[in-house]
Amino acid sequence: MTTILMVDDDDILLELYSEVLSEGFHVLIARTVAEAIELLTIEKVDAVGCDYHLGHELGLDVVAWIDSYRNHLLATTMLISGEPFPAMRGFHVRCLYKPVPMDELLNVFYTWFAPVTKGD
């Protein structure tokens, strides 16, 4: 089953993402840059959805780590931002803007990966 790592410092959003995405994907969650990097190090992750602002950290730090250590994953990494024009530091990853409709979020992942059903 395709594994998606969702990174956000908002527990309510993480719960929503997990609930919505778990119908077709295995979902991992992280609340900080360090947690995200730890999961990326020990788990097989196929895609990442990461909040731009993670408390006092930036989701771009997760993107930078992916660029350095799991470069192939950049094609299936997206940032989710409340800012209309977030600074991207030269990274070219998809960006969705809050509030993100759940059907739009699902559409991105279903575009990247063929839909699967639970138990696959």
PDB file of N, CA and C in Angstrom:
ATOM      1  N   MET A   1       0.845  -1.176   0.000  1.00  0.00           N
ATOM      2  CA  MET A   1       0.000   0.000   0.000  1.00  0.00           C
ATOM      3  C   MET A   1       0.894   1.244   0.000  1.00  0.00           C
ATOM      4  N   THR A   2       0.505   2.254  -0.720  1.00  0.00           N
ATOM      5  CA  THR A   2       1.227   3.513  -0.792  1.00  0.00           C
ATOM      6  C   THR A   2       1.225   4.198   0.565  1.00  0.00           C
ATOM      7  N   THR A   3       2.390   4.668   0.996  1.00  0.00           N
ATOM      8  CA  THR A   3       2.523   5.330   2.292  1.00  0.00           C
ATOM      9  C   THR A   3       2.737   6.823   2.103  1.00  0.00           C
ATOM     10  N   ILE A   4       1.903   7.597   2.795  1.00  0.00           N
ATOM     11  CA  ILE A   4       1.979   9.054   2.765  1.00  0.00           C
ATOM     12  C   ILE A   4       2.353   9.547   4.149  1.00  0.00           C
ATOM     13  N   LEU A   5       3.330  10.429   4.205  1.00  0.00           N
ATOM     14  CA  LEU A   5       3.701  11.088   5.449  1.00  0.00           C
ATOM     15  C   LEU A   5       3.080  12.479   5.444  1.00  0.00           C
ATOM     16  N   MET A   6       2.224  12.755   6.425  1.00  0.00           N
ATOM     17  CA  MET A   6       1.636  14.082   6.586  1.00  0.00           C
ATOM     18  C   MET A   6       2.292  14.738   7.800  1.00  0.00           C
ATOM     19  N   VAL A   7       2.778  15.955   7.596  1.00  0.00           N
ATOM     20  CA  VAL A   7       3.496  16.680   8.638  1.00  0.00           C
ATOM     21  C   VAL A   7       2.774  17.989   8.925  1.00  0.00           C
ATOM     22  N   ASP A   8       2.349  18.156  10.174  1.00  0.00           N
ATOM     23  CA  ASP A   8       1.659  19.385  10.575  1.00  0.00           C
ATOM     24  C   ASP A   8       1.738  19.509  12.084  1.00  0.00           C
ATOM     25  N   ASP A   9       1.795  20.724  12.579  1.00  0.00           N
ATOM     26  CA  ASP A   9       1.831  20.924  14.029  1.00  0.00           C
ATOM     27  C   ASP A   9       0.433  21.065  14.622  1.00  0.00           C
ATOM     28  N   ASP A  10      -0.590  20.970  13.790  1.00  0.00           N
ATOM     29  CA  ASP A  10      -1.984  21.069  14.234  1.00  0.00           C
ATOM     30  C   ASP A  10      -2.578  19.661  14.322  1.00  0.00           C
ATOM     31  N   ASP A  11      -2.834  19.201  15.545  1.00  0.00           N
ATOM     32  CA  ASP A  11      -3.353  17.843  15.749  1.00  0.00           C
ATOM     33  C   ASP A  11      -4.703  17.625  15.076  1.00  0.00           C
ATOM     34  N   ILE A  12      -5.536  18.644  15.028  1.00  0.00           N
ATOM     35  CA  ILE A  12      -6.856  18.506  14.394  1.00  0.00           C
ATOM     36  C   ILE A  12      -6.690  18.254  12.899  1.00  0.00           C
ATOM     37  N   LEU A  13      -5.787  18.989  12.247  1.00  0.00           N
ATOM     38  CA  LEU A  13      -5.548  18.760  10.821  1.00  0.00           C
ATOM     39  C   LEU A  13      -4.932  17.390  10.580  1.00  0.00           C
ATOM     40  N   LEU A  14      -4.007  16.986  11.431  1.00  0.00           N
ATOM     41  CA  LEU A  14      -3.411  15.656  11.267  1.00  0.00           C
ATOM     42  C   LEU A  14      -4.469  14.569  11.371  1.00  0.00           C
ATOM     43  N   GLU A  15      -5.388  14.727  12.310  1.00  0.00           N
ATOM     44  CA  GLU A  15      -6.468  13.744  12.461  1.00  0.00           C
ATOM     45  C   GLU A  15      -7.347  13.726  11.215  1.00  0.00           C
ATOM     46  N   LEU A  16      -7.665  14.906  10.690  1.00  0.00           N
ATOM     47  CA  LEU A  16      -8.479  14.999   9.474  1.00  0.00           C
ATOM     48  C   LEU A  16      -7.757  14.372   8.285  1.00  0.00           C
ATOM     49  N   TYR A  17      -6.487  14.732   8.090  1.00  0.00           N
ATOM     50  CA  TYR A  17      -5.713  14.152   6.987  1.00  0.00           C
ATOM     51  C   TYR A  17      -5.681  12.628   7.097  1.00  0.00           C
ATOM     52  N   SER A  18      -5.423  12.143   8.288  1.00  0.00           N
ATOM     53  CA  SER A  18      -5.332  10.697   8.506  1.00  0.00           C
ATOM     54  C   SER A  18      -6.656  10.016   8.174  1.00  0.00           C
ATOM     55  N   GLU A  19      -7.744  10.605   8.649  1.00  0.00           N
ATOM     56  CA  GLU A  19      -9.068  10.017   8.398  1.00  0.00           C
ATOM     57  C   GLU A  19      -9.405   9.991   6.913  1.00  0.00           C
ATOM     58  N   VAL A  20      -9.161  11.099   6.233  1.00  0.00           N
ATOM     59  CA  VAL A  20      -9.511  11.215   4.814  1.00  0.00           C
ATOM     60  C   VAL A  20      -8.619  10.327   3.943  1.00  0.00           C
ATOM     61  N   LEU A  21      -7.320  10.341   4.207  1.00  0.00           N
ATOM     62  CA  LEU A  21      -6.385   9.619   3.345  1.00  0.00           C
ATOM     63  C   LEU A  21      -6.316   8.124   3.623  1.00  0.00           C
ATOM     64  N   SER A  22      -6.696   7.702   4.823  1.00  0.00           N
ATOM     65  CA  SER A  22      -6.533   6.294   5.192  1.00  0.00           C
ATOM     66  C   SER A  22      -7.471   5.361   4.432  1.00  0.00           C
ATOM     67  N   GLU A  23      -8.421   5.890   3.713  1.00  0.00           N
ATOM     68  CA  GLU A  23      -9.293   5.042   2.892  1.00  0.00           C
ATOM     69  C   GLU A  23      -8.536   4.398   1.738  1.00  0.00           C
ATOM     70  N   GLY A  24      -7.488   5.075   1.246  1.00  0.00           N
ATOM     71  CA  GLY A  24      -6.759   4.517   0.109  1.00  0.00           C
ATOM     72  C   GLY A  24      -5.265   4.431   0.292  1.00  0.00           C
ATOM     73  N   PHE A  25      -4.777   4.929   1.433  1.00  0.00           N
ATOM     74  CA  PHE A  25      -3.333   4.997   1.647  1.00  0.00           C
ATOM     75  C   PHE A  25      -2.996   4.640   3.088  1.00  0.00           C
ATOM     76  N   HIS A  26      -1.759   4.213   3.286  1.00  0.00           N
ATOM     77  CA  HIS A  26      -1.229   4.058   4.642  1.00  0.00           C
ATOM     78  C   HIS A  26      -0.679   5.434   5.029  1.00  0.00           C
ATOM     79  N   VAL A  27      -1.128   5.979   6.167  1.00  0.00           N
ATOM     80  CA  VAL A  27      -0.773   7.345   6.545  1.00  0.00           C
ATOM     81  C   VAL A  27       0.100   7.349   7.794  1.00  0.00           C
ATOM     82  N   LEU A  28       1.229   8.034   7.695  1.00  0.00           N
ATOM     83  CA  LEU A  28       2.098   8.296   8.834  1.00  0.00           C
ATOM     84  C   LEU A  28       1.958   9.774   9.168  1.00  0.00           C
ATOM     85  N   ILE A  29       2.080  10.126  10.449  1.00  0.00           N
ATOM     86  CA  ILE A  29       1.973  11.528  10.820  1.00  0.00           C
ATOM     87  C   ILE A  29       3.188  11.956  11.638  1.00  0.00           C
ATOM     88  N   ALA A  30       3.561  13.218  11.457  1.00  0.00           N
ATOM     89  CA  ALA A  30       4.648  13.826  12.219  1.00  0.00           C
ATOM     90  C   ALA A  30       4.224  15.253  12.554  1.00  0.00           C
ATOM     91  N   ARG A  31       4.694  15.736  13.697  1.00  0.00           N
ATOM     92  CA  ARG A  31       4.336  17.080  14.156  1.00  0.00           C
ATOM     93  C   ARG A  31       5.484  18.076  14.051  1.00  0.00           C
ATOM     94  N   THR A  32       6.703  17.583  13.836  1.00  0.00           N
ATOM     95  CA  THR A  32       7.886  18.441  13.776  1.00  0.00           C
ATOM     96  C   THR A  32       8.792  18.008  12.630  1.00  0.00           C
ATOM     97  N   VAL A  33       9.740  18.858  12.316  1.00  0.00           N
ATOM     98  CA  VAL A  33      10.745  18.511  11.306  1.00  0.00           C
ATOM     99  C   VAL A  33      11.507  17.267  11.743  1.00  0.00           C
ATOM    100  N   ALA A  34      11.906  17.214  13.010  1.00  0.00           N
ATOM    101  CA  ALA A  34      12.674  16.065  13.513  1.00  0.00           C
ATOM    102  C   ALA A  34      11.874  14.768  13.405  1.00  0.00           C
ATOM    103  N   GLU A  35      10.591  14.809  13.780  1.00  0.00           N
ATOM    104  CA  GLU A  35       9.753  13.604  13.665  1.00  0.00           C
ATOM    105  C   GLU A  35       9.628  13.178  12.210  1.00  0.00           C
ATOM    106  N   ALA A  36       9.452  14.148  11.312  1.00  0.00           N
ATOM    107  CA  ALA A  36       9.325  13.827   9.886  1.00  0.00           C
ATOM    108  C   ALA A  36      10.596  13.160   9.367  1.00  0.00           C
ATOM    109  N   ILE A  37      11.745  13.721   9.709  1.00  0.00           N
ATOM    110  CA  ILE A  37      13.010  13.155   9.247  1.00  0.00           C
ATOM    111  C   ILE A  37      13.219  11.762   9.828  1.00  0.00           C
ATOM    112  N   GLU A  38      12.858  11.572  11.082  1.00  0.00           N
ATOM    113  CA  GLU A  38      12.990  10.243  11.686  1.00  0.00           C
ATOM    114  C   GLU A  38      12.145   9.220  10.926  1.00  0.00           C
ATOM    115  N   LEU A  39      10.899   9.567  10.614  1.00  0.00           N
ATOM    116  CA  LEU A  39      10.039   8.638   9.873  1.00  0.00           C
ATOM    117  C   LEU A  39      10.563   8.409   8.456  1.00  0.00           C
ATOM    118  N   LEU A  40      11.054   9.461   7.818  1.00  0.00           N
ATOM    119  CA  LEU A  40      11.614   9.308   6.476  1.00  0.00           C
ATOM    120  C   LEU A  40      12.845   8.416   6.486  1.00  0.00           C
ATOM    121  N   THR A  41      13.538   8.376   7.599  1.00  0.00           N
ATOM    122  CA  THR A  41      14.741   7.559   7.729  1.00  0.00           C
ATOM    123  C   THR A  41      14.423   6.089   7.942  1.00  0.00           C
ATOM    124  N   ILE A  42      13.362   5.812   8.715  1.00  0.00           N
ATOM    125  CA  ILE A  42      13.090   4.421   9.097  1.00  0.00           C
ATOM    126  C   ILE A  42      11.940   3.764   8.341  1.00  0.00           C
ATOM    127  N   GLU A  43      11.109   4.545   7.659  1.00  0.00           N
ATOM    128  CA  GLU A  43       9.947   3.996   6.956  1.00  0.00           C
ATOM    129  C   GLU A  43      10.108   4.162   5.448  1.00  0.00           C
ATOM    130  N   LYS A  44       9.412   3.318   4.701  1.00  0.00           N
ATOM    131  CA  LYS A  44       9.332   3.489   3.254  1.00  0.00           C
ATOM    132  C   LYS A  44       8.173   4.455   2.994  1.00  0.00           C
ATOM    133  N   VAL A  45       8.491   5.651   2.584  1.00  0.00           N
ATOM    134  CA  VAL A  45       7.493   6.690   2.350  1.00  0.00           C
ATOM    135  C   VAL A  45       7.437   6.972   0.858  1.00  0.00           C
ATOM    136  N   ASP A  46       6.217   7.024   0.318  1.00  0.00           N
ATOM    137  CA  ASP A  46       6.026   7.256  -1.111  1.00  0.00           C
ATOM    138  C   ASP A  46       5.683   8.701  -1.450  1.00  0.00           C
ATOM    139  N   ALA A  47       5.137   9.441  -0.473  1.00  0.00           N
ATOM    140  CA  ALA A  47       4.739  10.829  -0.707  1.00  0.00           C
ATOM    141  C   ALA A  47       4.729  11.573   0.620  1.00  0.00           C
ATOM    142  N   VAL A  48       4.889  12.900   0.530  1.00  0.00           N
ATOM    143  CA  VAL A  48       4.905  13.737   1.723  1.00  0.00           C
ATOM    144  C   VAL A  48       4.007  14.946   1.489  1.00  0.00           C
ATOM    145  N   GLY A  49       3.169  15.221   2.478  1.00  0.00           N
ATOM    146  CA  GLY A  49       2.406  16.460   2.534  1.00  0.00           C
ATOM    147  C   GLY A  49       2.834  17.175   3.796  1.00  0.00           C
ATOM    148  N   CYS A  50       3.368  18.385   3.664  1.00  0.00           N
ATOM    149  CA  CYS A  50       3.985  19.047   4.816  1.00  0.00           C
ATOM    150  C   CYS A  50       3.512  20.484   4.929  1.00  0.00           C
ATOM    151  N   ASP A  51       3.080  20.853   6.120  1.00  0.00           N
ATOM    152  CA  ASP A  51       2.712  22.233   6.394  1.00  0.00           C
ATOM    153  C   ASP A  51       3.939  23.124   6.209  1.00  0.00           C
ATOM    154  N   TYR A  52       3.732  24.319   5.698  1.00  0.00           N
ATOM    155  CA  TYR A  52       4.837  25.250   5.484  1.00  0.00           C
ATOM    156  C   TYR A  52       5.393  25.746   6.819  1.00  0.00           C
ATOM    157  N   HIS A  53       4.486  26.137   7.735  1.00  0.00           N
ATOM    158  CA  HIS A  53       4.895  26.599   9.063  1.00  0.00           C
ATOM    159  C   HIS A  53       4.636  25.503  10.083  1.00  0.00           C
ATOM    160  N   LEU A  54       5.677  25.041  10.729  1.00  0.00           N
ATOM    161  CA  LEU A  54       5.576  24.018  11.770  1.00  0.00           C
ATOM    162  C   LEU A  54       6.042  24.647  13.081  1.00  0.00           C
ATOM    163  N   GLY A  55       5.173  25.429  13.707  1.00  0.00           N
ATOM    164  CA  GLY A  55       5.579  26.154  14.903  1.00  0.00           C
ATOM    165  C   GLY A  55       6.671  27.139  14.541  1.00  0.00           C
ATOM    166  N   HIS A  56       7.844  26.986  15.148  1.00  0.00           N
ATOM    167  CA  HIS A  56       8.978  27.867  14.863  1.00  0.00           C
ATOM    168  C   HIS A  56       9.875  27.309  13.766  1.00  0.00           C
ATOM    169  N   GLU A  57       9.469  26.207  13.160  1.00  0.00           N
ATOM    170  CA  GLU A  57      10.245  25.575  12.096  1.00  0.00           C
ATOM    171  C   GLU A  57       9.535  25.789  10.762  1.00  0.00           C
ATOM    172  N   LEU A  58      10.215  25.455   9.689  1.00  0.00           N
ATOM    173  CA  LEU A  58       9.623  25.524   8.356  1.00  0.00           C
ATOM    174  C   LEU A  58       9.592  24.148   7.711  1.00  0.00           C
ATOM    175  N   GLY A  59       8.498  23.866   7.038  1.00  0.00           N
ATOM    176  CA  GLY A  59       8.386  22.628   6.278  1.00  0.00           C
ATOM    177  C   GLY A  59       9.457  22.524   5.200  1.00  0.00           C
ATOM    178  N   LEU A  60       9.997  23.662   4.786  1.00  0.00           N
ATOM    179  CA  LEU A  60      11.085  23.636   3.803  1.00  0.00           C
ATOM    180  C   LEU A  60      12.300  22.890   4.322  1.00  0.00           C
ATOM    181  N   ASP A  61      12.448  22.800   5.638  1.00  0.00           N
ATOM    182  CA  ASP A  61      13.560  22.024   6.187  1.00  0.00           C
ATOM    183  C   ASP A  61      13.349  20.529   5.919  1.00  0.00           C
ATOM    184  N   VAL A  62      12.102  20.092   5.903  1.00  0.00           N
ATOM    185  CA  VAL A  62      11.798  18.711   5.528  1.00  0.00           C
ATOM    186  C   VAL A  62      12.101  18.523   4.038  1.00  0.00           C
ATOM    187  N   VAL A  63      11.699  19.481   3.227  1.00  0.00           N
ATOM    188  CA  VAL A  63      11.961  19.422   1.788  1.00  0.00           C
ATOM    189  C   VAL A  63      13.467  19.397   1.523  1.00  0.00           C
ATOM    190  N   ALA A  64      14.220  20.211   2.247  1.00  0.00           N
ATOM    191  CA  ALA A  64      15.678  20.236   2.069  1.00  0.00           C
ATOM    192  C   ALA A  64      16.296  18.888   2.426  1.00  0.00           C
ATOM    193  N   TRP A  65      15.803  18.252   3.486  1.00  0.00           N
ATOM    194  CA  TRP A  65      16.313  16.934   3.860  1.00  0.00           C
ATOM    195  C   TRP A  65      15.985  15.921   2.760  1.00  0.00           C
ATOM    196  N   ILE A  66      14.758  15.969   2.263  1.00  0.00           N
ATOM    197  CA  ILE A  66      14.360  15.063   1.177  1.00  0.00           C
ATOM    198  C   ILE A  66      15.265  15.285  -0.038  1.00  0.00           C
ATOM    199  N   ASP A  67      15.532  16.538  -0.364  1.00  0.00           N
ATOM    200  CA  ASP A  67      16.398  16.862  -1.495  1.00  0.00           C
ATOM    201  C   ASP A  67      17.785  16.247  -1.325  1.00  0.00           C
ATOM    202  N   SER A  68      18.286  16.253  -0.096  1.00  0.00           N
ATOM    203  CA  SER A  68      19.632  15.733   0.165  1.00  0.00           C
ATOM    204  C   SER A  68      19.707  14.215   0.272  1.00  0.00           C
ATOM    205  N   TYR A  69      18.664  13.593   0.837  1.00  0.00           N
ATOM    206  CA  TYR A  69      18.758  12.166   1.169  1.00  0.00           C
ATOM    207  C   TYR A  69      17.761  11.251   0.453  1.00  0.00           C
ATOM    208  N   ARG A  70      16.661  11.787  -0.057  1.00  0.00           N
ATOM    209  CA  ARG A  70      15.652  10.987  -0.760  1.00  0.00           C
ATOM    210  C   ARG A  70      15.146  11.770  -1.974  1.00  0.00           C
ATOM    211  N   ASN A  71      16.094  12.225  -2.776  1.00  0.00           N
ATOM    212  CA  ASN A  71      15.796  13.133  -3.873  1.00  0.00           C
ATOM    213  C   ASN A  71      14.643  12.671  -4.761  1.00  0.00           C
ATOM    214  N   HIS A  72      14.531  11.367  -4.972  1.00  0.00           N
ATOM    215  CA  HIS A  72      13.460  10.828  -5.817  1.00  0.00           C
ATOM    216  C   HIS A  72      12.068  11.164  -5.260  1.00  0.00           C
ATOM    217  N   LEU A  73      11.983  11.461  -3.972  1.00  0.00           N
ATOM    218  CA  LEU A  73      10.708  11.737  -3.312  1.00  0.00           C
ATOM    219  C   LEU A  73      10.203  13.167  -3.565  1.00  0.00           C
ATOM    220  N   LEU A  74      11.055  14.049  -4.092  1.00  0.00           N
ATOM    221  CA  LEU A  74      10.630  15.433  -4.353  1.00  0.00           C
ATOM    222  C   LEU A  74       9.439  15.499  -5.308  1.00  0.00           C
ATOM    223  N   ALA A  75       9.373  14.577  -6.256  1.00  0.00           N
ATOM    224  CA  ALA A  75       8.283  14.583  -7.238  1.00  0.00           C
ATOM    225  C   ALA A  75       6.930  14.317  -6.603  1.00  0.00           C
ATOM    226  N   THR A  76       6.922  13.704  -5.426  1.00  0.00           N
ATOM    227  CA  THR A  76       5.673  13.407  -4.737  1.00  0.00           C
ATOM    228  C   THR A  76       5.671  14.044  -3.335  1.00  0.00           C
ATOM    229  N   THR A  77       6.228  15.242  -3.272  1.00  0.00           N
ATOM    230  CA  THR A  77       6.223  16.022  -2.034  1.00  0.00           C
ATOM    231  C   THR A  77       5.484  17.320  -2.294  1.00  0.00           C
ATOM    232  N   MET A  78       4.644  17.714  -1.337  1.00  0.00           N
ATOM    233  CA  MET A  78       3.941  18.988  -1.457  1.00  0.00           C
ATOM    234  C   MET A  78       3.984  19.730  -0.132  1.00  0.00           C
ATOM    235  N   LEU A  79       3.971  21.041  -0.237  1.00  0.00           N
ATOM    236  CA  LEU A  79       3.830  21.897   0.925  1.00  0.00           C
ATOM    237  C   LEU A  79       2.403  22.402   0.982  1.00  0.00           C
ATOM    238  N   ILE A  80       1.924  22.641   2.182  1.00  0.00           N
ATOM    239  CA  ILE A  80       0.582  23.174   2.395  1.00  0.00           C
ATOM    240  C   ILE A  80       0.763  24.471   3.177  1.00  0.00           C
ATOM    241  N   SER A  81       0.336  25.586   2.584  1.00  0.00           N
ATOM    242  CA  SER A  81       0.664  26.884   3.160  1.00  0.00           C
ATOM    243  C   SER A  81      -0.564  27.770   3.362  1.00  0.00           C
ATOM    244  N   GLY A  82      -0.533  28.516   4.441  1.00  0.00           N
ATOM    245  CA  GLY A  82      -1.534  29.544   4.685  1.00  0.00           C
ATOM    246  C   GLY A  82      -1.127  30.866   4.054  1.00  0.00           C
ATOM    247  N   GLU A  83       0.108  30.955   3.601  1.00  0.00           N
ATOM    248  CA  GLU A  83       0.602  32.158   2.947  1.00  0.00           C
ATOM    249  C   GLU A  83       0.348  32.054   1.440  1.00  0.00           C
ATOM    250  N   PRO A  84      -0.060  33.158   0.807  1.00  0.00           N
ATOM    251  CA  PRO A  84      -0.324  33.087  -0.636  1.00  0.00           C
ATOM    252  C   PRO A  84       0.940  32.923  -1.485  1.00  0.00           C
ATOM    253  N   PHE A  85       2.082  33.441  -1.034  1.00  0.00           N
ATOM    254  CA  PHE A  85       3.324  33.345  -1.800  1.00  0.00           C
ATOM    255  C   PHE A  85       4.475  32.961  -0.872  1.00  0.00           C
ATOM    256  N   PRO A  86       4.500  31.708  -0.413  1.00  0.00           N
ATOM    257  CA  PRO A  86       5.571  31.310   0.500  1.00  0.00           C
ATOM    258  C   PRO A  86       6.927  31.265  -0.204  1.00  0.00           C
ATOM    259  N   ALA A  87       7.965  31.670   0.514  1.00  0.00           N
ATOM    260  CA  ALA A  87       9.328  31.579  -0.027  1.00  0.00           C
ATOM    261  C   ALA A  87       9.678  30.104  -0.178  1.00  0.00           C
ATOM    262  N   MET A  88      10.134  29.707  -1.342  1.00  0.00           N
ATOM    263  CA  MET A  88      10.385  28.288  -1.617  1.00  0.00           C
ATOM    264  C   MET A  88      11.871  27.935  -1.665  1.00  0.00           C
ATOM    265  N   ARG A  89      12.767  28.881  -1.451  1.00  0.00           N
ATOM    266  CA  ARG A  89      14.221  28.641  -1.430  1.00  0.00           C
ATOM    267  C   ARG A  89      14.720  27.880  -2.664  1.00  0.00           C
ATOM    268  N   GLY A  90      14.062  28.077  -3.784  1.00  0.00           N
ATOM    269  CA  GLY A  90      14.496  27.410  -5.009  1.00  0.00           C
ATOM    270  C   GLY A  90      13.974  26.001  -5.194  1.00  0.00           C
ATOM    271  N   PHE A  91      13.221  25.481  -4.215  1.00  0.00           N
ATOM    272  CA  PHE A  91      12.649  24.142  -4.366  1.00  0.00           C
ATOM    273  C   PHE A  91      11.404  24.219  -5.241  1.00  0.00           C
ATOM    274  N   HIS A  92      11.248  23.217  -6.078  1.00  0.00           N
ATOM    275  CA  HIS A  92      10.105  23.173  -6.985  1.00  0.00           C
ATOM    276  C   HIS A  92       9.215  21.991  -6.617  1.00  0.00           C
ATOM    277  N   VAL A  93       8.483  22.154  -5.521  1.00  0.00           N
ATOM    278  CA  VAL A  93       7.513  21.148  -5.117  1.00  0.00           C
ATOM    279  C   VAL A  93       6.131  21.786  -5.190  1.00  0.00           C
ATOM    280  N   ARG A  94       5.166  20.942  -5.322  1.00  0.00           N
ATOM    281  CA  ARG A  94       3.779  21.416  -5.387  1.00  0.00           C
ATOM    282  C   ARG A  94       3.418  22.115  -4.081  1.00  0.00           C
ATOM    283  N   CYS A  95       2.565  23.134  -4.180  1.00  0.00           N
ATOM    284  CA  CYS A  95       2.102  23.843  -2.991  1.00  0.00           C
ATOM    285  C   CYS A  95       0.582  23.985  -3.057  1.00  0.00           C
ATOM    286  N   LEU A  96      -0.085  23.551  -2.008  1.00  0.00           N
ATOM    287  CA  LEU A  96      -1.521  23.768  -1.859  1.00  0.00           C
ATOM    288  C   LEU A  96      -1.712  24.860  -0.823  1.00  0.00           C
ATOM    289  N   TYR A  97      -2.817  25.588  -0.938  1.00  0.00           N
ATOM    290  CA  TYR A  97      -3.049  26.731  -0.072  1.00  0.00           C
ATOM    291  C   TYR A  97      -4.259  26.509   0.821  1.00  0.00           C
ATOM    292  N   LYS A  98      -4.070  26.837   2.103  1.00  0.00           N
ATOM    293  CA  LYS A  98      -5.131  26.665   3.101  1.00  0.00           C
ATOM    294  C   LYS A  98      -6.212  27.726   2.908  1.00  0.00           C
ATOM    295  N   PRO A  99      -7.436  27.357   3.193  1.00  0.00           N
ATOM    296  CA  PRO A  99      -7.871  26.015   3.599  1.00  0.00           C
ATOM    297  C   PRO A  99      -7.936  25.089   2.387  1.00  0.00           C
ATOM    298  N   VAL A 100      -7.376  23.915   2.532  1.00  0.00           N
ATOM    299  CA  VAL A 100      -7.320  22.946   1.433  1.00  0.00           C
ATOM    300  C   VAL A 100      -8.560  22.069   1.478  1.00  0.00           C
ATOM    301  N   PRO A 101      -9.379  22.092   0.429  1.00  0.00           N
ATOM    302  CA  PRO A 101     -10.500  21.146   0.378  1.00  0.00           C
ATOM    303  C   PRO A 101      -9.952  19.721   0.329  1.00  0.00           C
ATOM    304  N   MET A 102     -10.557  18.839   1.085  1.00  0.00           N
ATOM    305  CA  MET A 102     -10.057  17.464   1.162  1.00  0.00           C
ATOM    306  C   MET A 102     -10.107  16.759  -0.182  1.00  0.00           C
ATOM    307  N   ASP A 103     -11.084  17.099  -1.035  1.00  0.00           N
ATOM    308  CA  ASP A 103     -11.113  16.465  -2.349  1.00  0.00           C
ATOM    309  C   ASP A 103      -9.917  16.916  -3.194  1.00  0.00           C
ATOM    310  N   GLU A 104      -9.442  18.133  -3.002  1.00  0.00           N
ATOM    311  CA  GLU A 104      -8.253  18.604  -3.715  1.00  0.00           C
ATOM    312  C   GLU A 104      -7.004  17.865  -3.230  1.00  0.00           C
ATOM    313  N   LEU A 105      -6.897  17.688  -1.916  1.00  0.00           N
ATOM    314  CA  LEU A 105      -5.776  16.938  -1.356  1.00  0.00           C
ATOM    315  C   LEU A 105      -5.769  15.505  -1.884  1.00  0.00           C
ATOM    316  N   LEU A 106      -6.927  14.865  -1.821  1.00  0.00           N
ATOM    317  CA  LEU A 106      -7.039  13.494  -2.341  1.00  0.00           C
ATOM    318  C   LEU A 106      -6.687  13.433  -3.817  1.00  0.00           C
ATOM    319  N   ASN A 107      -7.147  14.400  -4.578  1.00  0.00           N
ATOM    320  CA  ASN A 107      -6.887  14.409  -6.016  1.00  0.00           C
ATOM    321  C   ASN A 107      -5.393  14.439  -6.319  1.00  0.00           C
ATOM    322  N   VAL A 108      -4.635  15.201  -5.539  1.00  0.00           N
ATOM    323  CA  VAL A 108      -3.184  15.250  -5.756  1.00  0.00           C
ATOM    324  C   VAL A 108      -2.588  13.859  -5.568  1.00  0.00           C
ATOM    325  N   PHE A 109      -2.924  13.215  -4.457  1.00  0.00           N
ATOM    326  CA  PHE A 109      -2.356  11.889  -4.201  1.00  0.00           C
ATOM    327  C   PHE A 109      -2.867  10.854  -5.195  1.00  0.00           C
ATOM    328  N   TYR A 110      -4.132  10.927  -5.586  1.00  0.00           N
ATOM    329  CA  TYR A 110      -4.652   9.978  -6.573  1.00  0.00           C
ATOM    330  C   TYR A 110      -4.053  10.229  -7.955  1.00  0.00           C
ATOM    331  N   THR A 111      -3.653  11.465  -8.229  1.00  0.00           N
ATOM    332  CA  THR A 111      -2.970  11.749  -9.490  1.00  0.00           C
ATOM    333  C   THR A 111      -1.574  11.139  -9.481  1.00  0.00           C
ATOM    334  N   TRP A 112      -0.914  11.225  -8.329  1.00  0.00           N
ATOM    335  CA  TRP A 112       0.435  10.661  -8.204  1.00  0.00           C
ATOM    336  C   TRP A 112       0.424   9.140  -8.155  1.00  0.00           C
ATOM    337  N   PHE A 113      -0.634   8.555  -7.570  1.00  0.00           N
ATOM    338  CA  PHE A 113      -0.703   7.102  -7.374  1.00  0.00           C
ATOM    339  C   PHE A 113      -2.087   6.607  -7.747  1.00  0.00           C
ATOM    340  N   ALA A 114      -2.144   5.465  -8.386  1.00  0.00           N
ATOM    341  CA  ALA A 114      -3.432   4.857  -8.708  1.00  0.00           C
ATOM    342  C   ALA A 114      -4.186   4.596  -7.404  1.00  0.00           C
ATOM    343  N   PRO A 115      -5.487   4.872  -7.373  1.00  0.00           N
ATOM    344  CA  PRO A 115      -6.257   4.599  -6.152  1.00  0.00           C
ATOM    345  C   PRO A 115      -6.166   3.135  -5.770  1.00  0.00           C
ATOM    346  N   VAL A 116      -6.058   2.898  -4.476  1.00  0.00           N
ATOM    347  CA  VAL A 116      -6.046   1.535  -3.962  1.00  0.00           C
ATOM    348  C   VAL A 116      -7.116   1.419  -2.902  1.00  0.00           C
ATOM    349  N   THR A 117      -7.488   0.206  -2.612  1.00  0.00           N
ATOM    350  CA  THR A 117      -8.483  -0.013  -1.572  1.00  0.00           C
ATOM    351  C   THR A 117      -7.801  -0.574  -0.334  1.00  0.00           C
ATOM    352  N   LYS A 118      -8.466  -0.413   0.789  1.00  0.00           N
ATOM    353  CA  LYS A 118      -7.910  -0.964   2.029  1.00  0.00           C
ATOM    354  C   LYS A 118      -7.652  -2.445   1.871  1.00  0.00           C
ATOM    355  N   GLY A 119      -6.554  -2.886   2.463  1.00  0.00           N
ATOM    356  CA  GLY A 119      -6.230  -4.303   2.415  1.00  0.00           C
ATOM    357  C   GLY A 119      -5.282  -4.670   1.292  1.00  0.00           C
ATOM    358  N   ASP A 120      -5.050  -3.730   0.350  1.00  0.00           N
ATOM    359  CA  ASP A 120      -4.103  -4.007  -0.746  1.00  0.00           C
ATOM    360  C   ASP A 120      -2.685  -3.960  -0.249  1.00  0.00           C
TER     361      ASP A 120
END
